[in-house]
N, C-alpha and C. Protein backbone atom coordinates (compact mmCIF):
# COMPACT_ATOMS: atom_id res chain seq x y z
N MET A 1 0.71 -1.27 0.06
CA MET A 1 0.06 0.04 0.03
C MET A 1 0.84 1.25 -0.11
N TYR A 2 0.37 2.17 -0.70
CA TYR A 2 1.16 3.63 -0.82
C TYR A 2 0.23 4.69 -0.45
N SER A 3 0.97 5.62 0.50
CA SER A 3 0.01 6.68 0.92
C SER A 3 0.67 7.92 0.53
N PHE A 4 0.08 8.70 -0.30
CA PHE A 4 0.63 10.09 -0.57
C PHE A 4 -0.05 11.13 0.28
N ILE A 5 0.64 11.46 1.41
CA ILE A 5 0.05 12.30 2.39
C ILE A 5 0.33 13.85 1.93
N ASN A 6 1.51 14.09 1.48
CA ASN A 6 1.83 15.49 0.96
C ASN A 6 3.28 15.32 0.43
N ASP A 7 3.53 16.57 -0.38
CA ASP A 7 4.85 16.33 -1.23
C ASP A 7 6.08 16.43 -0.41
N TYR A 8 6.00 16.91 0.91
CA TYR A 8 7.33 17.15 1.57
C TYR A 8 7.43 15.94 2.57
N SER A 9 6.59 14.90 2.46
CA SER A 9 6.98 13.68 3.33
C SER A 9 7.29 12.55 2.38
N GLU A 10 7.56 12.72 1.07
CA GLU A 10 7.99 11.78 0.21
C GLU A 10 9.26 12.11 -0.52
N GLY A 11 9.81 10.94 -0.98
CA GLY A 11 11.12 11.11 -1.69
C GLY A 11 10.97 11.77 -2.98
N ALA A 12 12.07 12.30 -3.65
CA ALA A 12 12.01 12.87 -4.78
C ALA A 12 12.29 11.94 -5.90
N TYR A 13 11.84 12.24 -7.01
CA TYR A 13 12.21 11.49 -8.50
C TYR A 13 13.72 11.51 -8.59
N PRO A 14 14.24 10.29 -8.98
CA PRO A 14 15.87 10.32 -9.10
C PRO A 14 16.24 11.37 -10.04
N GLY A 15 15.65 11.83 -11.07
CA GLY A 15 16.10 12.88 -11.92
C GLY A 15 16.18 14.20 -11.35
N ILE A 16 15.30 14.43 -10.41
CA ILE A 16 15.27 15.75 -9.56
C ILE A 16 16.32 15.69 -8.56
N ILE A 17 16.78 14.54 -7.95
CA ILE A 17 17.82 14.43 -7.10
C ILE A 17 19.11 14.50 -7.83
N ALA A 18 19.27 14.06 -9.03
CA ALA A 18 20.41 14.39 -9.63
C ALA A 18 20.61 15.80 -10.27
N LYS A 19 19.54 16.41 -10.51
CA LYS A 19 19.52 17.72 -10.90
C LYS A 19 20.18 18.70 -9.66
N LEU A 20 19.56 18.34 -8.53
CA LEU A 20 19.73 19.07 -7.40
C LEU A 20 21.33 18.96 -6.92
N ALA A 21 21.86 17.75 -7.13
CA ALA A 21 23.12 17.28 -6.81
C ALA A 21 24.16 18.09 -7.84
N ALA A 22 23.71 18.14 -9.10
CA ALA A 22 24.54 18.86 -10.12
C ALA A 22 24.71 20.35 -9.85
N THR A 23 23.60 20.97 -9.24
CA THR A 23 23.72 22.33 -9.09
C THR A 23 23.69 22.70 -7.61
N ASN A 24 24.14 21.79 -6.82
CA ASN A 24 24.24 22.11 -5.40
C ASN A 24 25.28 23.09 -5.12
N ALA A 25 26.34 23.20 -5.69
CA ALA A 25 27.34 23.93 -5.37
C ALA A 25 27.25 25.53 -5.98
N GLU A 26 26.29 25.56 -6.93
CA GLU A 26 26.00 26.94 -7.58
C GLU A 26 25.49 27.88 -6.56
N GLN A 27 25.88 29.19 -6.66
CA GLN A 27 25.58 30.22 -5.93
C GLN A 27 24.65 31.31 -6.78
N THR A 28 23.56 31.35 -6.21
CA THR A 28 22.44 32.07 -7.17
C THR A 28 21.95 33.18 -6.26
N VAL A 29 21.24 34.13 -6.82
CA VAL A 29 20.54 35.27 -6.11
C VAL A 29 19.15 34.76 -5.73
N GLY A 30 18.36 35.67 -4.95
CA GLY A 30 17.01 35.07 -4.61
C GLY A 30 16.18 34.31 -5.45
N TYR A 31 15.33 33.47 -4.95
CA TYR A 31 14.30 32.64 -5.68
C TYR A 31 13.61 33.46 -6.60
N GLY A 32 13.62 32.93 -7.75
CA GLY A 32 12.81 33.75 -8.93
C GLY A 32 13.66 34.52 -9.76
N PHE A 33 14.85 34.96 -9.37
CA PHE A 33 15.76 35.68 -10.22
C PHE A 33 17.02 34.99 -10.54
N ASP A 34 17.15 33.82 -10.43
CA ASP A 34 18.33 33.00 -10.73
C ASP A 34 18.28 32.51 -12.36
N LYS A 35 19.28 32.09 -12.86
CA LYS A 35 19.45 31.75 -14.30
C LYS A 35 18.25 30.65 -14.53
N HIS A 36 18.06 29.65 -13.57
CA HIS A 36 17.26 28.71 -13.83
C HIS A 36 15.73 29.05 -13.86
N CYS A 37 15.32 30.03 -13.08
CA CYS A 37 14.04 30.52 -13.02
C CYS A 37 13.78 31.42 -14.31
N LYS A 38 14.81 32.10 -14.88
CA LYS A 38 14.84 32.93 -16.10
C LYS A 38 14.48 31.91 -17.17
N GLU A 39 15.24 30.89 -17.12
CA GLU A 39 14.86 29.80 -18.27
C GLU A 39 13.60 29.17 -18.25
N ALA A 40 13.17 28.86 -16.97
CA ALA A 40 11.74 28.35 -16.79
C ALA A 40 10.68 29.50 -17.33
N ARG A 41 10.91 30.74 -16.93
CA ARG A 41 10.05 31.67 -17.26
C ARG A 41 10.03 31.75 -18.87
N LYS A 42 10.99 31.68 -19.46
CA LYS A 42 11.03 31.63 -21.09
C LYS A 42 10.23 30.41 -21.52
N LEU A 43 10.51 29.26 -20.99
CA LEU A 43 9.84 28.06 -21.44
C LEU A 43 8.25 28.17 -21.11
N ILE A 44 7.88 28.77 -20.01
CA ILE A 44 6.43 29.00 -19.70
C ILE A 44 5.87 30.03 -20.76
N GLN A 45 6.56 31.05 -21.12
CA GLN A 45 6.04 32.04 -22.07
C GLN A 45 5.97 31.54 -23.45
N ALA A 46 7.09 30.57 -23.87
CA ALA A 46 6.90 29.91 -25.15
C ALA A 46 5.69 28.97 -25.18
N ALA A 47 5.55 28.27 -24.10
CA ALA A 47 4.35 27.23 -23.99
C ALA A 47 3.04 28.02 -24.09
N CYS A 48 3.05 29.42 -23.66
CA CYS A 48 1.84 30.03 -23.69
C CYS A 48 1.65 30.94 -24.90
N HIS A 49 2.61 30.98 -25.76
CA HIS A 49 2.64 31.52 -27.10
C HIS A 49 2.67 33.13 -26.78
N ASN A 50 3.38 33.57 -25.71
CA ASN A 50 3.25 34.94 -25.49
C ASN A 50 4.50 35.46 -24.63
N LYS A 51 5.48 35.92 -25.29
CA LYS A 51 6.77 36.31 -24.59
C LYS A 51 6.57 37.60 -23.70
N ASN A 52 5.31 38.13 -23.62
CA ASN A 52 5.07 39.39 -22.85
C ASN A 52 4.33 39.07 -21.60
N ILE A 53 3.98 37.91 -21.40
CA ILE A 53 3.17 37.68 -20.08
C ILE A 53 4.24 37.62 -18.94
N ASP A 54 3.65 38.05 -17.72
CA ASP A 54 4.51 38.03 -16.61
C ASP A 54 4.66 36.61 -15.95
N VAL A 55 5.70 36.03 -15.48
CA VAL A 55 5.64 34.98 -14.85
C VAL A 55 6.41 35.08 -13.55
N HIS A 56 5.79 34.83 -12.42
CA HIS A 56 6.34 34.96 -11.08
C HIS A 56 6.34 33.59 -10.54
N PHE A 57 7.49 33.38 -9.72
CA PHE A 57 7.54 32.18 -8.97
C PHE A 57 7.33 32.55 -7.39
N LEU A 58 6.70 31.65 -6.77
CA LEU A 58 6.43 31.89 -5.31
C LEU A 58 6.94 30.76 -4.66
N VAL A 59 7.40 31.00 -3.37
CA VAL A 59 8.41 30.14 -2.51
C VAL A 59 7.71 28.86 -1.95
N GLY A 60 6.32 28.93 -1.95
CA GLY A 60 5.68 27.88 -1.11
C GLY A 60 4.12 27.87 -1.41
N GLY A 61 3.55 26.60 -1.02
CA GLY A 61 2.20 26.37 -1.14
C GLY A 61 1.19 27.51 -0.52
N THR A 62 1.47 27.87 0.82
CA THR A 62 0.84 28.78 1.42
C THR A 62 0.79 30.14 0.64
N GLN A 63 1.95 30.54 0.36
CA GLN A 63 2.07 31.87 -0.48
C GLN A 63 1.34 31.77 -1.74
N THR A 64 1.39 30.60 -2.33
CA THR A 64 0.77 30.37 -3.69
C THR A 64 -0.87 30.47 -3.36
N ASN A 65 -1.33 29.68 -2.39
CA ASN A 65 -2.73 29.60 -2.24
C ASN A 65 -3.20 31.10 -1.70
N LEU A 66 -2.61 31.68 -0.82
CA LEU A 66 -2.98 33.14 -0.51
C LEU A 66 -3.07 34.01 -1.69
N THR A 67 -1.95 34.02 -2.48
CA THR A 67 -1.91 35.00 -3.56
C THR A 67 -3.19 34.70 -4.59
N PHE A 68 -3.38 33.48 -4.90
CA PHE A 68 -4.37 33.00 -5.86
C PHE A 68 -5.79 33.53 -5.26
N ILE A 69 -6.08 33.02 -3.98
CA ILE A 69 -7.44 33.12 -3.45
C ILE A 69 -7.73 34.71 -3.27
N SER A 70 -6.61 35.42 -2.90
CA SER A 70 -6.94 36.85 -2.65
C SER A 70 -7.04 37.55 -4.07
N ALA A 71 -6.43 37.10 -5.14
CA ALA A 71 -6.57 37.57 -6.42
C ALA A 71 -8.03 37.27 -7.09
N VAL A 72 -8.50 36.24 -6.71
CA VAL A 72 -9.82 35.64 -7.26
C VAL A 72 -10.99 36.03 -6.68
N LEU A 73 -10.95 36.09 -5.28
CA LEU A 73 -12.13 36.37 -4.54
C LEU A 73 -12.27 37.82 -4.10
N ARG A 74 -13.33 38.38 -4.09
CA ARG A 74 -13.71 39.82 -3.58
C ARG A 74 -13.63 39.66 -2.07
N PRO A 75 -13.65 40.77 -1.24
CA PRO A 75 -13.53 40.69 0.39
C PRO A 75 -14.60 40.06 0.94
N HIS A 76 -15.83 40.10 0.37
CA HIS A 76 -17.04 39.39 0.94
C HIS A 76 -17.19 37.99 0.51
N GLU A 77 -16.31 37.38 -0.18
CA GLU A 77 -16.51 36.03 -0.63
C GLU A 77 -15.57 35.05 -0.04
N GLY A 78 -16.07 33.75 0.05
CA GLY A 78 -15.30 32.76 0.77
C GLY A 78 -15.08 31.54 -0.18
N VAL A 79 -14.33 30.77 0.46
CA VAL A 79 -13.74 29.42 -0.34
C VAL A 79 -14.24 28.23 0.47
N PHE A 80 -14.95 27.39 -0.14
CA PHE A 80 -15.31 25.96 0.46
C PHE A 80 -13.97 25.17 0.58
N GLY A 81 -13.72 24.48 1.59
CA GLY A 81 -12.62 23.47 1.84
C GLY A 81 -13.11 22.54 2.78
N VAL A 82 -12.85 21.27 2.57
CA VAL A 82 -13.09 20.29 3.71
C VAL A 82 -12.39 20.62 4.74
N VAL A 83 -12.99 20.03 6.11
CA VAL A 83 -12.48 20.58 7.37
C VAL A 83 -11.02 20.06 7.42
N THR A 84 -10.50 19.04 6.75
CA THR A 84 -9.10 18.81 6.86
C THR A 84 -8.21 19.43 5.65
N SER A 85 -8.86 20.28 4.86
CA SER A 85 -8.22 20.88 3.79
C SER A 85 -6.92 21.78 4.20
N HIS A 86 -5.89 21.83 3.47
CA HIS A 86 -4.70 22.56 3.70
C HIS A 86 -4.97 24.00 4.14
N ILE A 87 -5.83 24.60 3.47
CA ILE A 87 -6.24 26.06 3.81
C ILE A 87 -6.94 26.26 5.10
N ASN A 88 -7.56 25.26 5.51
CA ASN A 88 -8.29 25.27 6.79
C ASN A 88 -7.64 24.78 8.10
N SER A 89 -6.65 23.75 7.67
CA SER A 89 -5.99 23.16 8.86
C SER A 89 -4.42 23.33 8.99
N HIS A 90 -3.82 23.91 7.96
CA HIS A 90 -2.36 23.81 8.04
C HIS A 90 -1.77 25.37 7.76
N GLU A 91 -2.58 26.27 7.35
CA GLU A 91 -1.98 27.55 6.85
C GLU A 91 -2.09 28.57 7.85
N ALA A 92 -2.36 28.38 9.21
CA ALA A 92 -2.38 29.17 10.29
C ALA A 92 -3.15 30.33 10.10
N GLY A 93 -4.29 30.28 9.46
CA GLY A 93 -5.17 31.49 9.28
C GLY A 93 -4.68 32.38 8.21
N ALA A 94 -3.67 32.01 7.30
CA ALA A 94 -3.35 32.93 6.29
C ALA A 94 -4.35 33.47 5.38
N ILE A 95 -5.17 32.64 4.89
CA ILE A 95 -6.30 32.97 4.08
C ILE A 95 -7.28 34.11 4.68
N GLU A 96 -7.60 33.74 5.95
CA GLU A 96 -8.65 34.49 6.52
C GLU A 96 -7.99 35.81 7.01
N ARG A 97 -6.70 36.04 7.26
CA ARG A 97 -5.83 37.06 7.62
C ARG A 97 -6.16 38.17 6.42
N THR A 98 -6.48 37.88 5.28
CA THR A 98 -6.81 38.82 4.30
C THR A 98 -8.23 39.19 4.23
N GLY A 99 -9.02 38.57 5.12
CA GLY A 99 -10.53 38.84 5.05
C GLY A 99 -11.46 37.80 4.29
N HIS A 100 -10.75 36.88 3.72
CA HIS A 100 -11.54 35.81 3.11
C HIS A 100 -11.75 34.80 3.85
N LYS A 101 -13.03 34.40 3.91
CA LYS A 101 -13.50 33.24 4.78
C LYS A 101 -13.26 31.94 4.20
N VAL A 102 -12.75 30.90 5.05
CA VAL A 102 -12.47 29.54 4.61
C VAL A 102 -13.68 28.90 5.22
N ILE A 103 -14.45 28.35 4.43
CA ILE A 103 -15.94 27.67 4.84
C ILE A 103 -15.67 26.25 4.90
N PRO A 104 -15.48 25.77 5.98
CA PRO A 104 -15.18 24.30 6.13
C PRO A 104 -16.58 23.38 6.02
N ILE A 105 -16.27 22.34 5.30
CA ILE A 105 -17.39 21.40 4.89
C ILE A 105 -16.92 20.04 5.21
N PRO A 106 -17.84 19.15 5.90
CA PRO A 106 -17.49 17.91 6.36
C PRO A 106 -16.94 17.01 5.09
N ALA A 107 -16.15 15.90 5.47
CA ALA A 107 -15.61 15.14 4.49
C ALA A 107 -15.36 13.69 5.19
N GLU A 108 -15.63 12.70 4.36
CA GLU A 108 -15.14 11.27 4.83
C GLU A 108 -13.76 11.03 4.28
N ASP A 109 -12.93 10.66 5.23
CA ASP A 109 -11.43 10.41 4.86
C ASP A 109 -10.87 11.59 4.06
N GLY A 110 -11.29 12.72 4.37
CA GLY A 110 -10.78 13.87 3.67
C GLY A 110 -11.26 14.12 2.25
N LYS A 111 -12.02 13.23 1.92
CA LYS A 111 -12.69 13.37 0.40
C LYS A 111 -13.82 14.31 0.27
N LEU A 112 -13.79 15.36 -0.55
CA LEU A 112 -15.04 16.12 -0.90
C LEU A 112 -15.90 15.38 -2.12
N THR A 113 -17.11 15.33 -1.85
CA THR A 113 -17.91 14.81 -2.68
C THR A 113 -18.98 15.83 -3.25
N ALA A 114 -19.25 15.60 -4.48
CA ALA A 114 -20.28 16.62 -5.03
C ALA A 114 -21.54 16.73 -4.25
N ALA A 115 -22.01 15.66 -3.64
CA ALA A 115 -23.31 15.78 -2.79
C ALA A 115 -22.91 16.59 -1.69
N THR A 116 -21.82 16.31 -0.88
CA THR A 116 -21.54 17.32 0.13
C THR A 116 -21.39 18.77 -0.19
N LEU A 117 -20.77 19.05 -1.28
CA LEU A 117 -20.62 20.26 -1.70
C LEU A 117 -21.91 20.94 -2.09
N LYS A 118 -22.90 20.25 -2.71
CA LYS A 118 -24.15 20.76 -3.00
C LYS A 118 -25.00 21.08 -1.79
N GLU A 119 -24.83 20.10 -0.84
CA GLU A 119 -25.63 20.31 0.45
C GLU A 119 -25.05 21.60 1.18
N ALA A 120 -23.75 21.83 1.18
CA ALA A 120 -23.18 22.90 1.91
C ALA A 120 -23.52 24.29 1.14
N TYR A 121 -23.74 24.28 -0.11
CA TYR A 121 -24.13 25.40 -0.91
C TYR A 121 -25.67 25.58 -0.78
N GLU A 122 -26.38 24.59 -0.90
CA GLU A 122 -27.87 24.63 -0.73
C GLU A 122 -28.14 25.23 0.83
N SER A 123 -27.44 24.70 1.82
CA SER A 123 -27.59 25.13 3.12
C SER A 123 -27.23 26.75 3.16
N TYR A 124 -26.26 27.24 2.53
CA TYR A 124 -25.86 28.73 2.61
C TYR A 124 -27.26 29.49 1.72
N LYS A 125 -27.58 28.96 0.61
CA LYS A 125 -28.45 29.64 -0.26
C LYS A 125 -29.72 29.73 0.53
N ASN A 126 -30.18 28.60 1.24
CA ASN A 126 -31.46 28.72 1.92
C ASN A 126 -31.61 29.18 3.27
N ASP A 127 -30.45 29.67 3.76
CA ASP A 127 -30.48 30.34 5.00
C ASP A 127 -30.89 31.83 5.14
N PRO A 128 -31.89 32.14 5.83
CA PRO A 128 -32.17 33.51 5.84
C PRO A 128 -31.33 34.56 6.33
N ASN A 129 -30.21 34.09 6.92
CA ASN A 129 -29.08 34.93 7.65
C ASN A 129 -27.96 34.97 6.56
N ARG A 130 -27.94 34.44 5.32
CA ARG A 130 -27.02 34.42 4.63
C ARG A 130 -26.32 35.93 4.17
N PRO A 131 -27.17 37.04 4.26
CA PRO A 131 -26.55 38.20 3.86
C PRO A 131 -25.37 38.66 4.82
N HIS A 132 -25.29 37.89 6.08
CA HIS A 132 -24.37 38.17 7.18
C HIS A 132 -23.27 37.21 7.09
N TRP A 133 -23.26 36.39 6.07
CA TRP A 133 -22.31 35.29 5.88
C TRP A 133 -21.33 35.65 4.70
N ALA A 134 -20.09 35.17 4.72
CA ALA A 134 -19.30 35.24 3.47
C ALA A 134 -20.00 34.30 2.36
N LYS A 135 -19.97 35.07 1.23
CA LYS A 135 -20.66 34.27 -0.03
C LYS A 135 -19.74 33.24 -0.60
N PRO A 136 -20.05 31.90 -0.56
CA PRO A 136 -19.11 31.00 -1.14
C PRO A 136 -19.12 31.16 -2.62
N LYS A 137 -17.68 31.21 -3.11
CA LYS A 137 -17.62 31.52 -4.52
C LYS A 137 -16.41 30.72 -5.15
N MET A 138 -15.78 29.91 -4.32
CA MET A 138 -14.60 29.02 -4.84
C MET A 138 -14.61 27.68 -3.99
N VAL A 139 -14.17 26.65 -4.66
CA VAL A 139 -14.04 25.49 -3.99
C VAL A 139 -12.46 25.06 -4.14
N TYR A 140 -11.90 24.60 -2.94
CA TYR A 140 -10.60 24.35 -2.79
C TYR A 140 -10.32 22.83 -2.84
N ILE A 141 -9.54 22.49 -3.97
CA ILE A 141 -9.05 20.99 -3.87
C ILE A 141 -7.69 21.06 -4.19
N SER A 142 -6.84 20.44 -3.48
CA SER A 142 -5.32 20.58 -3.55
C SER A 142 -4.85 19.23 -4.05
N GLN A 143 -5.34 18.07 -3.63
CA GLN A 143 -4.97 16.75 -4.14
C GLN A 143 -6.06 15.75 -3.85
N PRO A 144 -5.89 14.51 -4.05
CA PRO A 144 -6.96 13.62 -3.75
C PRO A 144 -7.72 13.86 -2.39
N THR A 145 -6.74 14.06 -1.41
CA THR A 145 -7.15 14.35 -0.08
C THR A 145 -5.94 14.64 0.84
N GLU A 146 -6.22 15.50 1.86
CA GLU A 146 -5.15 15.98 2.68
C GLU A 146 -4.67 14.79 3.77
N LEU A 147 -5.32 13.72 3.64
CA LEU A 147 -5.09 12.57 4.52
C LEU A 147 -4.24 11.46 3.81
N GLY A 148 -4.06 11.50 2.55
CA GLY A 148 -3.25 10.65 2.03
C GLY A 148 -3.93 9.14 1.79
N PRO A 149 -4.96 9.06 0.92
CA PRO A 149 -5.77 7.83 0.83
C PRO A 149 -4.70 6.63 0.60
N TYR A 150 -5.08 5.54 0.86
CA TYR A 150 -4.19 4.32 0.60
C TYR A 150 -4.45 3.75 -0.77
N ILE A 151 -3.47 3.96 -1.60
CA ILE A 151 -3.58 3.43 -2.87
C ILE A 151 -2.70 2.23 -3.16
N PRO A 152 -3.16 1.14 -3.62
CA PRO A 152 -2.09 0.08 -3.85
C PRO A 152 -1.10 0.66 -4.90
N ARG A 153 0.04 0.17 -4.78
CA ARG A 153 1.09 0.65 -5.73
C ARG A 153 1.17 -0.37 -6.79
N LYS A 154 1.18 0.08 -8.01
CA LYS A 154 1.27 -0.82 -9.08
C LYS A 154 2.77 -1.07 -9.44
N ASN A 155 3.17 -2.28 -9.65
CA ASN A 155 4.65 -2.55 -10.05
C ASN A 155 4.82 -2.72 -11.47
């Protein structure tokens, strides 16, 4: 059985380890401004067929979640996430610090279902007090589950 709990509790692909070893002694400027990021930026622009787009690299998942959610939601809007979702249980209130509500919904084994999501939205929609609540406008799904479902490894 194999359990993918999160990316930082797993080993890296051998090709990544080899690249890290090959570049380990390099000294570079801050993240996002080194030659590797400049090359990655060019590759992304080429893949998007637009050399004029801005490409910015963020240093971690919390910063990425915070940046994206803050950019997409208006101040009175919230994001649905299961109780065990990363934005609700691991990010120390980073999302809510900006005024956006994380609206936790129940889940079995960390998994969000369409039925549970529909029930949560219907509950909001039918509540006469909804003008006083954050309006759900986004659903957060980061990976199959924050709990790492047990999946048999295929050899």
